[in-house]
Amino acid sequence: MLNKRNRLKKKKDFDKVFKQGQGFKQDFLYLKIRKNNLKSSRFGFVVSKKFSKKAVIRNKIK
């Protein structure tokens, strides 16, 4: 599990990455990255409802 300081948690943080970040796609993985001014990198994981409509299953995958 990631340290709390290394997690993207707020909607506005995810929105910035999705809107301003670069995207890379390979098979089933789509990676979005965006530079920040922090000392460490932060990560956020999203599993689409297309994969499963149940939040429990999506959270287990994360």
PDB file of N, CA and C in Angstrom:
ATOM      1  N   MET A   1       0.836  -1.172   0.000  1.00  0.00           N
ATOM      2  CA  MET A   1       0.000   0.000   0.000  1.00  0.00           C
ATOM      3  C   MET A   1       0.890   1.247   0.000  1.00  0.00           C
ATOM      4  N   LEU A   2       0.424   2.270  -0.666  1.00  0.00           N
ATOM      5  CA  LEU A   2       1.172   3.527  -0.749  1.00  0.00           C
ATOM      6  C   LEU A   2       1.052   4.343   0.529  1.00  0.00           C
ATOM      7  N   ASN A   3       2.101   5.064   0.829  1.00  0.00           N
ATOM      8  CA  ASN A   3       2.099   6.016   1.915  1.00  0.00           C
ATOM      9  C   ASN A   3       1.042   7.088   1.638  1.00  0.00           C
ATOM     10  N   LYS A   4       0.439   7.660   2.655  1.00  0.00           N
ATOM     11  CA  LYS A   4      -0.610   8.668   2.450  1.00  0.00           C
ATOM     12  C   LYS A   4      -0.118   9.875   1.659  1.00  0.00           C
ATOM     13  N   ARG A   5       1.118  10.270   1.878  1.00  0.00           N
ATOM     14  CA  ARG A   5       1.641  11.449   1.177  1.00  0.00           C
ATOM     15  C   ARG A   5       1.903  11.175  -0.302  1.00  0.00           C
ATOM     16  N   ASN A   6       1.918   9.903  -0.693  1.00  0.00           N
ATOM     17  CA  ASN A   6       2.168   9.536  -2.084  1.00  0.00           C
ATOM     18  C   ASN A   6       0.888   9.205  -2.848  1.00  0.00           C
ATOM     19  N   ARG A   7      -0.260   9.485  -2.268  1.00  0.00           N
ATOM     20  CA  ARG A   7      -1.532   9.158  -2.919  1.00  0.00           C
ATOM     21  C   ARG A   7      -2.223  10.406  -3.448  1.00  0.00           C
ATOM     22  N   LEU A   8      -2.835  10.256  -4.616  1.00  0.00           N
ATOM     23  CA  LEU A   8      -3.765  11.276  -5.100  1.00  0.00           C
ATOM     24  C   LEU A   8      -5.110  10.928  -4.482  1.00  0.00           C
ATOM     25  N   LYS A   9      -5.737  11.880  -3.816  1.00  0.00           N
ATOM     26  CA  LYS A   9      -7.001  11.579  -3.155  1.00  0.00           C
ATOM     27  C   LYS A   9      -8.136  12.500  -3.593  1.00  0.00           C
ATOM     28  N   LYS A  10      -7.821  13.747  -3.826  1.00  0.00           N
ATOM     29  CA  LYS A  10      -8.862  14.729  -4.122  1.00  0.00           C
ATOM     30  C   LYS A  10      -9.249  14.704  -5.592  1.00  0.00           C
ATOM     31  N   LYS A  11     -10.515  14.981  -5.842  1.00  0.00           N
ATOM     32  CA  LYS A  11     -11.027  14.995  -7.213  1.00  0.00           C
ATOM     33  C   LYS A  11     -10.283  16.009  -8.071  1.00  0.00           C
ATOM     34  N   LYS A  12      -9.971  17.163  -7.503  1.00  0.00           N
ATOM     35  CA  LYS A  12      -9.283  18.198  -8.285  1.00  0.00           C
ATOM     36  C   LYS A  12      -7.888  17.740  -8.719  1.00  0.00           C
ATOM     37  N   ASP A  13      -7.218  16.928  -7.894  1.00  0.00           N
ATOM     38  CA  ASP A  13      -5.906  16.399  -8.274  1.00  0.00           C
ATOM     39  C   ASP A  13      -6.028  15.416  -9.436  1.00  0.00           C
ATOM     40  N   PHE A  14      -7.020  14.532  -9.368  1.00  0.00           N
ATOM     41  CA  PHE A  14      -7.256  13.589 -10.461  1.00  0.00           C
ATOM     42  C   PHE A  14      -7.629  14.338 -11.740  1.00  0.00           C
ATOM     43  N   ASP A  15      -8.478  15.357 -11.604  1.00  0.00           N
ATOM     44  CA  ASP A  15      -8.905  16.134 -12.776  1.00  0.00           C
ATOM     45  C   ASP A  15      -7.720  16.807 -13.466  1.00  0.00           C
ATOM     46  N   LYS A  16      -6.794  17.367 -12.673  1.00  0.00           N
ATOM     47  CA  LYS A  16      -5.611  18.004 -13.257  1.00  0.00           C
ATOM     48  C   LYS A  16      -4.784  17.000 -14.056  1.00  0.00           C
ATOM     49  N   VAL A  17      -4.604  15.814 -13.501  1.00  0.00           N
ATOM     50  CA  VAL A  17      -3.813  14.791 -14.192  1.00  0.00           C
ATOM     51  C   VAL A  17      -4.516  14.363 -15.469  1.00  0.00           C
ATOM     52  N   PHE A  18      -5.819  14.143 -15.408  1.00  0.00           N
ATOM     53  CA  PHE A  18      -6.557  13.705 -16.593  1.00  0.00           C
ATOM     54  C   PHE A  18      -6.583  14.778 -17.678  1.00  0.00           C
ATOM     55  N   LYS A  19      -6.676  16.053 -17.289  1.00  0.00           N
ATOM     56  CA  LYS A  19      -6.766  17.132 -18.276  1.00  0.00           C
ATOM     57  C   LYS A  19      -5.406  17.570 -18.799  1.00  0.00           C
ATOM     58  N   GLN A  20      -4.408  17.652 -17.930  1.00  0.00           N
ATOM     59  CA  GLN A  20      -3.120  18.231 -18.306  1.00  0.00           C
ATOM     60  C   GLN A  20      -2.002  17.210 -18.477  1.00  0.00           C
ATOM     61  N   GLY A  21      -2.240  15.984 -18.070  1.00  0.00           N
ATOM     62  CA  GLY A  21      -1.181  14.986 -18.106  1.00  0.00           C
ATOM     63  C   GLY A  21      -0.999  14.333 -19.464  1.00  0.00           C
ATOM     64  N   GLN A  22       0.170  13.734 -19.647  1.00  0.00           N
ATOM     65  CA  GLN A  22       0.454  12.960 -20.847  1.00  0.00           C
ATOM     66  C   GLN A  22      -0.076  11.554 -20.642  1.00  0.00           C
ATOM     67  N   GLY A  23      -0.530  10.925 -21.717  1.00  0.00           N
ATOM     68  CA  GLY A  23      -1.072   9.581 -21.616  1.00  0.00           C
ATOM     69  C   GLY A  23      -0.252   8.566 -22.392  1.00  0.00           C
ATOM     70  N   PHE A  24      -0.136   7.366 -21.832  1.00  0.00           N
ATOM     71  CA  PHE A  24       0.531   6.244 -22.473  1.00  0.00           C
ATOM     72  C   PHE A  24      -0.382   5.034 -22.346  1.00  0.00           C
ATOM     73  N   LYS A  25      -0.559   4.307 -23.436  1.00  0.00           N
ATOM     74  CA  LYS A  25      -1.485   3.180 -23.430  1.00  0.00           C
ATOM     75  C   LYS A  25      -0.786   1.928 -23.944  1.00  0.00           C
ATOM     76  N   GLN A  26      -1.007   0.815 -23.226  1.00  0.00           N
ATOM     77  CA  GLN A  26      -0.490  -0.473 -23.664  1.00  0.00           C
ATOM     78  C   GLN A  26      -1.416  -1.561 -23.130  1.00  0.00           C
ATOM     79  N   ASP A  27      -1.969  -2.343 -24.024  1.00  0.00           N
ATOM     80  CA  ASP A  27      -2.900  -3.428 -23.695  1.00  0.00           C
ATOM     81  C   ASP A  27      -4.010  -2.936 -22.761  1.00  0.00           C
ATOM     82  N   PHE A  28      -4.032  -3.418 -21.527  1.00  0.00           N
ATOM     83  CA  PHE A  28      -5.115  -3.094 -20.598  1.00  0.00           C
ATOM     84  C   PHE A  28      -4.781  -1.928 -19.670  1.00  0.00           C
ATOM     85  N   LEU A  29      -3.575  -1.375 -19.760  1.00  0.00           N
ATOM     86  CA  LEU A  29      -3.140  -0.318 -18.851  1.00  0.00           C
ATOM     87  C   LEU A  29      -3.072   1.022 -19.580  1.00  0.00           C
ATOM     88  N   TYR A  30      -3.667   2.043 -18.977  1.00  0.00           N
ATOM     89  CA  TYR A  30      -3.579   3.404 -19.499  1.00  0.00           C
ATOM     90  C   TYR A  30      -2.969   4.253 -18.396  1.00  0.00           C
ATOM     91  N   LEU A  31      -1.824   4.849 -18.663  1.00  0.00           N
ATOM     92  CA  LEU A  31      -1.074   5.605 -17.669  1.00  0.00           C
ATOM     93  C   LEU A  31      -1.113   7.087 -18.013  1.00  0.00           C
ATOM     94  N   LYS A  32      -1.466   7.912 -17.036  1.00  0.00           N
ATOM     95  CA  LYS A  32      -1.452   9.369 -17.197  1.00  0.00           C
ATOM     96  C   LYS A  32      -0.424   9.916 -16.212  1.00  0.00           C
ATOM     97  N   ILE A  33       0.446  10.808 -16.707  1.00  0.00           N
ATOM     98  CA  ILE A  33       1.453  11.403 -15.827  1.00  0.00           C
ATOM     99  C   ILE A  33       1.439  12.920 -15.974  1.00  0.00           C
ATOM    100  N   ARG A  34       1.829  13.584 -14.899  1.00  0.00           N
ATOM    101  CA  ARG A  34       1.910  15.046 -14.882  1.00  0.00           C
ATOM    102  C   ARG A  34       2.975  15.438 -13.866  1.00  0.00           C
ATOM    103  N   LYS A  35       3.834  16.356 -14.233  1.00  0.00           N
ATOM    104  CA  LYS A  35       4.883  16.807 -13.309  1.00  0.00           C
ATOM    105  C   LYS A  35       4.267  17.589 -12.160  1.00  0.00           C
ATOM    106  N   ASN A  36       4.922  17.476 -10.996  1.00  0.00           N
ATOM    107  CA  ASN A  36       4.511  18.277  -9.844  1.00  0.00           C
ATOM    108  C   ASN A  36       5.737  18.965  -9.258  1.00  0.00           C
ATOM    109  N   ASN A  37       5.525  19.847  -8.327  1.00  0.00           N
ATOM    110  CA  ASN A  37       6.625  20.585  -7.696  1.00  0.00           C
ATOM    111  C   ASN A  37       6.951  20.035  -6.316  1.00  0.00           C
ATOM    112  N   LEU A  38       6.590  18.795  -6.074  1.00  0.00           N
ATOM    113  CA  LEU A  38       6.838  18.169  -4.780  1.00  0.00           C
ATOM    114  C   LEU A  38       8.127  17.362  -4.829  1.00  0.00           C
ATOM    115  N   LYS A  39       8.639  16.983  -3.662  1.00  0.00           N
ATOM    116  CA  LYS A  39       9.863  16.188  -3.594  1.00  0.00           C
ATOM    117  C   LYS A  39       9.619  14.736  -3.990  1.00  0.00           C
ATOM    118  N   SER A  40       8.402  14.264  -3.819  1.00  0.00           N
ATOM    119  CA  SER A  40       8.110  12.862  -4.128  1.00  0.00           C
ATOM    120  C   SER A  40       6.966  12.765  -5.132  1.00  0.00           C
ATOM    121  N   SER A  41       6.897  11.630  -5.794  1.00  0.00           N
ATOM    122  CA  SER A  41       5.821  11.377  -6.754  1.00  0.00           C
ATOM    123  C   SER A  41       4.559  10.973  -6.016  1.00  0.00           C
ATOM    124  N   ARG A  42       3.408  11.240  -6.633  1.00  0.00           N
ATOM    125  CA  ARG A  42       2.129  10.815  -6.064  1.00  0.00           C
ATOM    126  C   ARG A  42       1.404   9.983  -7.102  1.00  0.00           C
ATOM    127  N   PHE A  43       0.604   9.029  -6.645  1.00  0.00           N
ATOM    128  CA  PHE A  43      -0.067   8.090  -7.524  1.00  0.00           C
ATOM    129  C   PHE A  43      -1.549   8.002  -7.191  1.00  0.00           C
ATOM    130  N   GLY A  44      -2.332   7.729  -8.202  1.00  0.00           N
ATOM    131  CA  GLY A  44      -3.753   7.470  -8.027  1.00  0.00           C
ATOM    132  C   GLY A  44      -4.155   6.366  -8.982  1.00  0.00           C
ATOM    133  N   PHE A  45      -5.062   5.520  -8.561  1.00  0.00           N
ATOM    134  CA  PHE A  45      -5.500   4.400  -9.381  1.00  0.00           C
ATOM    135  C   PHE A  45      -6.999   4.486  -9.611  1.00  0.00           C
ATOM    136  N   VAL A  46      -7.405   4.220 -10.840  1.00  0.00           N
ATOM    137  CA  VAL A  46      -8.817   4.246 -11.206  1.00  0.00           C
ATOM    138  C   VAL A  46      -9.120   2.966 -11.964  1.00  0.00           C
ATOM    139  N   VAL A  47     -10.210   2.311 -11.597  1.00  0.00           N
ATOM    140  CA  VAL A  47     -10.685   1.136 -12.330  1.00  0.00           C
ATOM    141  C   VAL A  47     -12.065   1.484 -12.864  1.00  0.00           C
ATOM    142  N   SER A  48     -12.238   1.356 -14.153  1.00  0.00           N
ATOM    143  CA  SER A  48     -13.470   1.754 -14.823  1.00  0.00           C
ATOM    144  C   SER A  48     -14.657   0.882 -14.423  1.00  0.00           C
ATOM    145  N   LYS A  49     -15.843   1.480 -14.474  1.00  0.00           N
ATOM    146  CA  LYS A  49     -17.065   0.720 -14.230  1.00  0.00           C
ATOM    147  C   LYS A  49     -17.326  -0.280 -15.339  1.00  0.00           C
ATOM    148  N   LYS A  50     -16.653  -0.120 -16.477  1.00  0.00           N
ATOM    149  CA  LYS A  50     -16.759  -1.107 -17.548  1.00  0.00           C
ATOM    150  C   LYS A  50     -16.196  -2.444 -17.089  1.00  0.00           C
ATOM    151  N   PHE A  51     -15.187  -2.390 -16.218  1.00  0.00           N
ATOM    152  CA  PHE A  51     -14.575  -3.615 -15.712  1.00  0.00           C
ATOM    153  C   PHE A  51     -15.529  -4.337 -14.773  1.00  0.00           C
ATOM    154  N   SER A  52     -16.109  -3.603 -13.839  1.00  0.00           N
ATOM    155  CA  SER A  52     -17.093  -4.162 -12.912  1.00  0.00           C
ATOM    156  C   SER A  52     -17.953  -3.029 -12.385  1.00  0.00           C
ATOM    157  N   LYS A  53     -19.229  -3.265 -12.284  1.00  0.00           N
ATOM    158  CA  LYS A  53     -20.135  -2.247 -11.752  1.00  0.00           C
ATOM    159  C   LYS A  53     -20.089  -2.208 -10.226  1.00  0.00           C
ATOM    160  N   LYS A  54     -19.504  -3.237  -9.609  1.00  0.00           N
ATOM    161  CA  LYS A  54     -19.453  -3.323  -8.148  1.00  0.00           C
ATOM    162  C   LYS A  54     -18.189  -2.667  -7.612  1.00  0.00           C
ATOM    163  N   ALA A  55     -18.369  -1.700  -6.706  1.00  0.00           N
ATOM    164  CA  ALA A  55     -17.238  -0.965  -6.135  1.00  0.00           C
ATOM    165  C   ALA A  55     -16.300  -1.884  -5.360  1.00  0.00           C
ATOM    166  N   VAL A  56     -16.845  -2.899  -4.722  1.00  0.00           N
ATOM    167  CA  VAL A  56     -16.020  -3.824  -3.940  1.00  0.00           C
ATOM    168  C   VAL A  56     -14.982  -4.493  -4.834  1.00  0.00           C
ATOM    169  N   ILE A  57     -15.393  -4.933  -5.995  1.00  0.00           N
ATOM    170  CA  ILE A  57     -14.478  -5.601  -6.931  1.00  0.00           C
ATOM    171  C   ILE A  57     -13.450  -4.605  -7.464  1.00  0.00           C
ATOM    172  N   ARG A  58     -13.901  -3.404  -7.827  1.00  0.00           N
ATOM    173  CA  ARG A  58     -12.968  -2.393  -8.335  1.00  0.00           C
ATOM    174  C   ARG A  58     -11.934  -2.017  -7.277  1.00  0.00           C
ATOM    175  N   ASN A  59     -12.351  -1.918  -6.016  1.00  0.00           N
ATOM    176  CA  ASN A  59     -11.422  -1.574  -4.941  1.00  0.00           C
ATOM    177  C   ASN A  59     -10.411  -2.687  -4.689  1.00  0.00           C
ATOM    178  N   LYS A  60     -10.814  -3.933  -4.822  1.00  0.00           N
ATOM    179  CA  LYS A  60      -9.876  -5.052  -4.655  1.00  0.00           C
ATOM    180  C   LYS A  60      -8.804  -5.016  -5.729  1.00  0.00           C
ATOM    181  N   ILE A  61      -9.179  -4.638  -6.939  1.00  0.00           N
ATOM    182  CA  ILE A  61      -8.225  -4.559  -8.038  1.00  0.00           C
ATOM    183  C   ILE A  61      -7.196  -3.466  -7.775  1.00  0.00           C
ATOM    184  N   LYS A  62      -7.662  -2.350  -7.223  1.00  0.00           N
ATOM    185  CA  LYS A  62      -6.747  -1.239  -6.926  1.00  0.00           C
ATOM    186  C   LYS A  62      -5.720  -1.686  -5.919  1.00  0.00           C
TER     187      LYS A  62
END
